Protein backbone atom coordinates (compact mmCIF):
# COMPACT_ATOMS: atom_id res chain seq x y z
CA MET A 1 -14.70 -24.56 -5.33
CA LEU A 2 -13.68 -20.92 -6.04
CA TYR A 3 -9.93 -20.64 -6.71
CA MET A 4 -8.34 -17.45 -5.52
CA SER A 5 -4.82 -16.33 -5.94
CA ALA A 6 -2.89 -14.85 -2.91
CA GLN A 7 -3.80 -11.32 -3.99
CA ASP A 8 -7.53 -12.25 -4.30
CA GLN A 9 -7.44 -14.02 -0.85
CA LEU A 10 -5.89 -10.93 0.71
CA LYS A 11 -8.46 -8.59 -1.11
CA LEU A 12 -11.33 -10.72 0.32
CA ASP A 13 -9.93 -11.00 3.94
CA VAL A 14 -9.50 -7.18 4.06
CA ILE A 15 -12.84 -6.43 2.61
CA VAL A 16 -14.71 -8.69 5.03
CA LYS A 17 -12.74 -7.01 7.91
CA VAL A 18 -13.91 -3.62 6.67
CA VAL A 19 -17.42 -4.83 6.51
CA SER A 20 -17.43 -6.31 9.91
CA GLY A 21 -15.83 -3.20 11.29
CA VAL A 22 -12.52 -4.64 12.30
CA PHE A 23 -10.72 -2.49 9.72
CA ASP A 24 -11.41 1.12 8.74
CA ARG A 25 -11.35 2.13 5.09
CA GLU A 26 -7.88 3.93 5.59
CA LYS A 27 -6.22 0.73 6.83
CA ALA A 28 -7.76 -1.16 3.86
CA CYS A 29 -6.25 1.49 1.39
CA LEU A 30 -2.93 1.09 3.06
CA ILE A 31 -2.84 -2.71 2.91
CA LEU A 32 -4.31 -3.19 -0.59
CA ASP A 33 -2.58 -0.05 -1.98
CA VAL A 34 -5.57 1.32 -3.63
CA SER A 35 -7.73 4.61 -3.47
CA GLN A 36 -10.64 5.19 -1.33
CA ARG A 37 -12.92 5.07 -4.54
CA THR A 38 -11.58 1.56 -5.20
CA ILE A 39 -12.46 0.43 -1.72
CA ARG A 40 -15.98 1.79 -2.23
CA ARG A 41 -16.32 -0.22 -5.38
CA TYR A 42 -15.04 -3.29 -3.59
CA LEU A 43 -17.46 -2.97 -0.87
CA LYS A 44 -20.43 -2.51 -3.32
CA ALA A 45 -19.32 -5.48 -5.30
CA TYR A 46 -18.91 -7.56 -2.16
CA MET A 47 -22.52 -6.67 -1.03
CA ASP A 48 -23.78 -7.60 -4.46
CA LYS A 49 -21.78 -10.70 -5.30
CA GLY A 50 -20.20 -12.01 -2.07
CA SER A 51 -16.83 -13.58 -2.31
CA LEU A 52 -17.02 -13.62 -6.12
CA PHE A 53 -16.28 -10.01 -6.31
CA VAL A 54 -12.72 -10.62 -6.42
CA LYS A 55 -13.34 -12.36 -9.92
CA HIS A 56 -13.53 -10.77 -13.25
CA GLY A 57 -17.11 -10.09 -14.53
CA ASN A 58 -16.69 -12.98 -17.10
CA TYR A 59 -15.79 -15.55 -14.44
CA GLN A 60 -17.80 -18.74 -14.89
CA ARG A 61 -19.73 -17.30 -17.90
CA SER A 62 -19.96 -19.46 -20.98
CA PRO A 63 -18.28 -18.06 -24.13
CA THR A 64 -20.64 -17.24 -27.04
CA ASN A 65 -18.83 -19.56 -29.30
CA LYS A 66 -19.16 -22.55 -26.95
CA SER A 67 -20.19 -25.72 -28.77
CA SER A 68 -23.46 -27.28 -28.04
CA ALA A 69 -24.24 -30.32 -25.91
CA GLU A 70 -25.72 -32.17 -28.84
CA LEU A 71 -22.63 -31.64 -31.00
CA LYS A 72 -20.30 -32.89 -28.12
CA LYS A 73 -22.61 -35.85 -27.59
CA ARG A 74 -22.40 -36.82 -31.32
CA ALA A 75 -18.74 -36.30 -31.62
CA LEU A 76 -17.76 -38.23 -28.55
CA SER A 77 -20.13 -41.08 -29.59
CA LEU A 78 -18.22 -41.39 -32.92
CA VAL A 79 -14.97 -41.30 -31.27
CA LYS A 80 -15.92 -44.24 -29.05
CA GLU A 81 -17.71 -46.43 -31.54
CA LYS A 82 -16.04 -45.72 -34.93
CA TYR A 83 -12.77 -43.81 -34.49
CA PHE A 84 -11.54 -45.41 -31.18
CA ASP A 85 -8.17 -46.40 -32.53
CA PHE A 86 -7.44 -43.09 -34.40
CA ASN A 87 -4.90 -40.68 -32.95
CA MET A 88 -6.41 -37.39 -31.91
CA LEU A 89 -5.37 -35.37 -35.05
CA HIS A 90 -6.33 -38.09 -37.46
CA CYS A 91 -9.71 -38.42 -35.84
CA LEU A 92 -10.23 -34.72 -35.98
CA GLU A 93 -9.53 -34.77 -39.69
CA LYS A 94 -11.95 -37.63 -40.18
CA LEU A 95 -14.81 -35.79 -38.23
CA ALA A 96 -14.31 -32.83 -40.51
CA SER A 97 -14.07 -34.73 -43.88
CA SER A 98 -16.45 -37.55 -43.32
CA GLU A 99 -18.94 -36.40 -40.65
CA ASN A 100 -19.01 -32.77 -41.24
CA ILE A 101 -18.20 -32.00 -37.66
CA HIS A 102 -15.68 -29.08 -37.46
CA LEU A 103 -14.08 -28.58 -34.08
CA LYS A 104 -11.21 -26.64 -32.65
CA ARG A 105 -8.32 -28.72 -31.73
CA GLU A 106 -8.14 -27.81 -28.09
CA THR A 107 -12.04 -28.34 -27.69
CA PHE A 108 -11.65 -31.75 -29.16
CA ARG A 109 -8.69 -32.62 -27.08
CA ARG A 110 -10.56 -31.58 -23.95
CA TRP A 111 -13.61 -33.64 -24.81
CA CYS A 112 -11.21 -36.62 -25.52
CA HIS A 113 -9.61 -36.40 -22.18
CA GLU A 114 -12.94 -36.28 -20.33
CA ILE A 115 -13.72 -39.82 -21.67
CA LYS A 116 -10.14 -41.08 -21.47
CA MET A 117 -9.88 -41.66 -25.18
CA VAL A 118 -6.36 -40.10 -25.67
CA LYS A 119 -3.50 -42.29 -26.77
CA ARG A 120 -0.72 -40.05 -25.36
CA ALA A 121 -1.50 -38.30 -21.99
CA LYS A 122 -0.43 -34.57 -22.18
CA LYS A 123 1.53 -33.15 -19.40
CA ARG A 124 -0.54 -30.98 -17.28
CA ARG A 125 0.71 -27.30 -17.10
CA SER A 126 0.70 -25.62 -13.72
CA LYS A 127 -1.75 -22.84 -13.01
CA ALA A 128 -0.28 -19.34 -13.46
CA ARG A 129 0.68 -17.55 -10.32
CA TYR A 130 1.38 -13.80 -9.98
CA MET A 131 3.67 -12.14 -7.38
CA ARG A 132 1.95 -10.02 -4.81
CA SER A 133 3.46 -6.53 -4.30
CA ARG A 134 5.05 -5.81 -0.97
CA MET A 135 3.44 -3.78 1.67
CA LYS A 136 4.40 -0.06 1.53
CA GLN A 137 5.42 0.23 5.15
CA THR A 138 7.21 -1.85 7.62
CA GLY A 139 4.98 -3.16 10.46
CA ILE A 140 1.92 -3.74 8.26
CA MET A 141 2.51 -7.33 7.68
CA ILE A 142 4.69 -9.93 9.21
CA GLN A 143 5.08 -13.49 7.71
CA MET A 144 6.31 -16.21 10.06
CA ASP A 145 6.89 -19.85 9.63
CA GLY A 146 9.19 -22.79 10.81
CA SER A 147 11.73 -24.61 8.79
CA PRO A 148 12.89 -28.08 10.11
CA HIS A 149 16.45 -29.06 8.94
CA LYS A 150 19.78 -30.25 10.05
CA TRP A 151 21.04 -26.67 10.67
CA PHE A 152 23.87 -27.64 13.05
CA GLY A 153 25.15 -30.99 14.05
CA ASN A 154 23.59 -34.26 12.85
CA LYS A 155 20.08 -33.81 14.49
CA ASP A 156 17.14 -32.16 13.06
CA SER A 157 16.30 -28.62 14.48
CA CYS A 158 13.80 -26.00 13.64
CA LEU A 159 14.48 -22.41 12.75
CA ILE A 160 11.31 -20.34 13.37
CA SER A 161 11.70 -16.93 11.72
CA SER A 162 9.58 -13.76 10.97
CA ILE A 163 10.07 -11.32 8.03
CA ASP A 164 8.60 -8.01 7.45
CA ASP A 165 6.73 -8.16 4.02
CA ALA A 166 7.71 -4.50 3.10
CA SER A 167 11.46 -4.61 3.85
CA ASN A 168 12.43 -8.32 4.07
CA GLU A 169 13.96 -7.58 7.38
CA VAL A 170 14.00 -10.28 10.07
CA PRO A 171 12.49 -8.93 13.29
CA PHE A 172 13.37 -12.03 15.27
CA ALA A 173 14.31 -15.63 14.60
CA GLU A 174 15.48 -18.50 16.90
CA PHE A 175 16.19 -22.25 16.65
CA PHE A 176 14.19 -24.66 18.63
CA PRO A 177 13.98 -28.51 18.88
CA SER A 178 10.56 -28.39 16.97
CA GLU A 179 7.87 -25.97 15.82
CA ASP A 180 5.16 -25.81 18.45
CA THR A 181 2.75 -23.32 20.12
CA ILE A 182 5.28 -22.16 22.84
CA SER A 183 8.04 -21.55 20.44
CA CYS A 184 5.88 -19.60 18.21
CA LEU A 185 4.67 -17.53 21.03
CA ARG A 186 8.30 -16.81 22.10
CA VAL A 187 9.13 -15.61 18.64
CA LEU A 188 6.09 -13.37 18.44
CA GLN A 189 6.67 -11.87 21.93
CA ASN A 190 10.35 -10.91 20.85
CA VAL A 191 8.99 -9.22 17.60
CA VAL A 192 6.51 -7.21 19.62
CA ALA A 193 8.88 -6.37 22.41
CA LYS A 194 11.61 -5.10 19.84
CA ASN A 195 9.63 -3.29 17.30
CA GLY A 196 6.13 -2.68 18.63
CA ILE A 197 2.67 -3.90 17.67
CA PHE A 198 2.31 -4.82 13.95
CA GLN A 199 -0.89 -5.08 12.13
CA ILE A 200 -1.24 -8.44 10.26
CA LEU A 201 0.40 -11.82 10.88
CA TYR A 202 0.52 -13.90 7.71
CA VAL A 203 0.96 -17.71 8.41
CA ASP A 204 0.11 -21.06 7.10
CA ARG A 205 -2.91 -23.16 8.41
CA ALA A 206 -0.89 -25.00 11.02
CA GLY A 207 -2.71 -25.91 14.25
CA TRP A 208 -0.69 -23.61 16.58
CA PHE A 209 -1.59 -20.56 14.43
CA GLY A 210 -5.31 -21.31 14.68
CA GLY A 211 -5.56 -22.76 11.25
CA THR A 212 -8.28 -25.26 10.13
CA LYS A 213 -6.07 -28.40 11.15
CA ARG A 214 -6.49 -28.03 14.90
CA THR A 215 -8.82 -24.97 15.64
CA ASP A 216 -8.94 -25.89 19.36
CA PHE A 217 -5.30 -24.94 19.90
CA ALA A 218 -5.50 -21.39 18.49
CA GLN A 219 -3.32 -19.86 21.35
CA VAL A 220 -1.25 -17.77 18.90
CA LYS A 221 -4.28 -16.35 17.14
CA ARG A 222 -5.85 -15.49 20.68
CA ALA A 223 -2.58 -13.81 21.79
CA CYS A 224 -2.45 -11.74 18.54
CA GLU A 225 -6.13 -10.83 18.95
CA GLU A 226 -5.44 -9.62 22.49
CA LEU A 227 -3.00 -6.98 21.05
CA GLY A 228 -5.20 -6.13 17.95
CA ILE A 229 -3.09 -8.20 15.45
CA HIS A 230 -5.15 -9.69 12.71
CA VAL A 231 -4.12 -13.26 11.46
CA ILE A 232 -4.45 -14.07 7.81
CA PHE A 233 -3.98 -17.69 6.72
CA ALA A 234 -2.25 -18.43 3.39
CA GLN A 235 -4.15 -20.94 1.16
CA SER A 236 -0.92 -22.37 -0.39
CA ALA A 237 2.84 -22.54 -0.06
CA GLU A 238 3.23 -20.13 -3.04
CA ALA A 239 1.10 -17.53 -1.23
CA LYS A 240 3.78 -17.15 1.38
CA GLY A 241 6.61 -17.44 -1.08
CA ARG A 242 8.75 -14.63 0.55
CA ILE A 243 9.47 -16.42 3.75
CA GLU A 244 9.91 -19.74 1.81
CA ARG A 245 12.68 -18.16 -0.27
CA HIS A 246 14.04 -16.55 3.02
CA PHE A 247 14.48 -20.10 4.39
CA GLY A 248 16.20 -21.15 1.19
CA THR A 249 18.67 -18.33 1.62
CA MET A 250 19.25 -19.11 5.36
CA GLN A 251 19.90 -22.81 4.49
CA ASP A 252 22.35 -21.87 1.77
CA ARG A 253 24.27 -19.32 3.81
CA LEU A 254 23.78 -19.99 7.53
CA ILE A 255 24.72 -23.66 7.72
CA PRO A 256 28.17 -23.31 6.16
CA GLU A 257 28.86 -20.33 8.39
CA MET A 258 27.93 -22.30 11.56
CA ARG A 259 30.01 -25.26 10.36
CA LEU A 260 33.09 -23.14 10.03
CA ARG A 261 32.55 -22.00 13.52
CA ARG A 262 31.88 -25.49 14.74
CA ILE A 263 28.55 -24.69 16.27
CA HIS A 264 26.81 -27.74 17.60
CA SER A 265 24.43 -26.35 20.37
CA TYR A 266 21.14 -24.30 20.52
CA GLN A 267 22.69 -21.67 22.65
CA ALA A 268 25.81 -21.16 20.37
CA ALA A 269 23.52 -21.23 17.22
CA ASN A 270 21.11 -18.69 18.53
CA CYS A 271 23.80 -16.36 19.66
CA PHE A 272 25.58 -16.51 16.37
CA LEU A 273 22.22 -16.04 14.36
CA GLN A 274 20.91 -13.18 16.36
CA ASP A 275 24.16 -11.18 17.22
CA GLN A 276 26.31 -11.75 14.13
CA PHE A 277 24.69 -13.41 11.09
CA LEU A 278 21.36 -11.28 10.85
CA PRO A 279 22.82 -7.90 11.59
CA ASN A 280 26.16 -8.26 9.78
CA GLU A 281 25.37 -10.50 6.88
CA TYR A 282 21.66 -10.98 6.15
CA ASP A 283 20.43 -7.37 6.85
CA LYS A 284 23.09 -5.91 4.55
CA LYS A 285 22.49 -8.08 1.59
CA PHE A 286 18.85 -9.13 1.45
CA THR A 287 16.72 -6.22 2.91
CA VAL A 288 15.04 -3.75 0.76
CA THR A 289 14.01 -0.20 1.30
CA PRO A 290 10.17 0.04 1.63
CA ALA A 291 8.20 2.46 -0.56
CA ASN A 292 7.19 4.47 2.53
CA LEU A 293 9.96 5.02 5.08
CA GLN A 294 7.37 5.78 7.91
CA THR A 295 6.83 2.58 10.03
CA ALA A 296 3.43 1.21 10.90
CA TYR A 297 4.48 -0.34 14.04
CA LYS A 298 2.56 1.02 17.00
CA PRO A 299 4.11 1.46 20.45
CA LEU A 300 3.22 -0.98 23.19
CA PRO A 301 0.71 0.61 25.64
CA GLU A 302 1.98 1.11 29.21
CA GLY A 303 1.16 -1.52 31.83
CA ILE A 304 0.91 -4.44 29.50
CA ASP A 305 3.08 -7.46 30.48
CA LEU A 306 3.71 -9.46 27.24
CA ASN A 307 4.44 -12.59 29.47
CA GLU A 308 0.69 -12.49 30.41
CA ILE A 309 -0.35 -12.48 26.70
CA PHE A 310 2.15 -14.71 25.03
CA CYS A 311 1.25 -17.78 27.23
CA LEU A 312 -1.05 -20.63 27.04
CA LYS A 313 -4.42 -19.90 28.49
CA HIS A 314 -6.83 -22.76 29.39
CA TYR A 315 -10.08 -22.78 31.37
CA ARG A 316 -11.41 -25.22 34.05
CA ILE A 317 -14.60 -25.34 36.29
CA VAL A 318 -14.19 -25.19 40.02
CA LYS A 319 -15.54 -28.20 41.88
CA ARG A 320 -17.83 -27.96 44.85
CA ASP A 321 -14.86 -28.44 47.39
CA HIS A 322 -12.92 -25.56 45.71
CA THR A 323 -10.63 -28.07 43.82
CA VAL A 324 -9.39 -27.76 40.30
CA GLY A 325 -8.14 -30.68 38.09
CA TRP A 326 -5.14 -29.71 35.84
CA GLN A 327 -2.86 -32.07 33.85
CA GLY A 328 -3.97 -35.10 35.77
CA LYS A 329 -3.45 -33.58 39.08
CA LEU A 330 -5.65 -31.99 41.76
CA TYR A 331 -5.27 -28.53 43.17
CA GLN A 332 -6.81 -26.82 46.21
CA ILE A 333 -7.70 -23.26 45.93
CA ILE A 334 -6.45 -21.67 49.31
CA SER A 335 -7.57 -18.13 48.62
CA PRO A 336 -9.62 -16.65 51.49
CA VAL A 337 -12.66 -15.91 49.45
CA LYS A 338 -15.84 -14.97 51.26
CA TYR A 339 -18.23 -16.66 48.72
CA SER A 340 -18.21 -20.01 46.97
CA ILE A 341 -17.01 -20.06 43.34
CA PHE A 342 -18.43 -23.51 42.60
CA LYS A 343 -19.04 -24.13 39.14
CA GLN A 344 -17.16 -20.87 38.21
CA GLN A 345 -14.69 -20.87 35.35
CA ILE A 346 -11.09 -20.13 36.20
CA GLU A 347 -8.30 -19.21 33.88
CA ILE A 348 -5.02 -21.31 33.93
CA ARG A 349 -1.98 -19.56 32.32
CA THR A 350 1.05 -21.68 31.34
CA TYR A 351 4.15 -19.64 30.79
CA GLN A 352 7.02 -20.29 28.33
CA ASP A 353 9.13 -21.83 31.18
CA LEU A 354 6.15 -24.28 31.61
CA SER A 355 5.22 -22.78 35.10
CA PHE A 356 1.48 -21.95 35.55
CA LYS A 357 -0.76 -19.76 37.59
CA MET A 358 -4.50 -19.83 38.04
CA PHE A 359 -6.76 -16.58 37.86
CA PHE A 360 -10.34 -15.76 38.66
CA ALA A 361 -11.79 -12.39 37.60
CA GLY A 362 -8.42 -11.27 36.64
CA LYS A 363 -6.83 -11.92 39.96
CA GLU A 364 -4.30 -14.75 40.79
CA LEU A 365 -5.69 -17.57 43.09
CA PRO A 366 -3.12 -19.21 45.36
CA VAL A 367 -3.33 -23.02 45.09
CA THR A 368 -1.78 -25.98 46.56
CA ARG A 369 -1.57 -29.56 45.24
CA VAL A 370 -3.55 -32.29 47.10
CA ASP A 371 -3.48 -35.95 46.79
CA PRO A 372 -7.00 -37.49 46.60
CA LEU A 373 -7.77 -40.30 48.98
CA ARG A 374 -7.10 -43.80 47.73
CA LYS A 375 -9.97 -46.03 47.51
CA ALA A 376 -9.94 -48.98 49.88
CA ALA A 377 -9.15 -52.33 48.34
């Protein structure tokens, strides 16, 4: 399995999108903060090596001073049969003095660990991780996640927050009973309505974001794609460390502030968070100035209703009698259509207030609920 850091993963995702035509080279230069020449080198390396282009040329190559397999087999055989009760350093000295086998300490230690012939287990060191540089402009990348916690009162609630990768600014955040698809859609809709269309949404692999856990419920990813927002999934918690540290700051400062004000309801908590804490406390202390002051947010095109995008969209097949089953109930299409739409697929949109409408060919279909006849006993 190829291990990739957060920077390697971002580089691979961007180059794949350039090759597939989703990104142009100018946008790739902006996101990766490299020159056009470097992008050309990346593209050529990707065509030659595939995903391995993100790794150094010596990746997976054997060093010239690597010990031979015969030497390893001989040394381990002596360890198991003759020097099994020696400690590692003592055994290494015996191999050199009595068997004329000269090995590096780390090489011998690694071999002994492979056959479980080590008296004292050595604590494993964590892999080195490197901080990814911030984006240069606001509106290029938005990170979003949810944090379940006892934010106010004695019951758990979930703060779903978004931060701009370039400035650490919070475009929108809100408290919900739990993190789910509807709540994530609501937060994203407010971000777009307030600032405009950003370019990349950086999230974990939760099902409601369209990750690998439950790919059939990718409503958030579908809504983003309708606006041209690209979704990139973090492969580890460390990869989205900025929003994780953001939640640590919020838990450290927001909870005692709400306790002093005796806030115990969602309405009061959201009003304080959005109207007072974020603009007066958080933005003044924890936002940074981006390298490029020009924003990358794009204005929302005219005629777009965000309610029709940030909703749940499911599809059903029309029955022969122009009825549709939805959530265990039967609905009759009463639209005066001049032709049968039997076996046609209709779209059902469930809005954030849990109301729904049915559409066919982009037009709303009036429907009424019907009760199927009960079978005779």
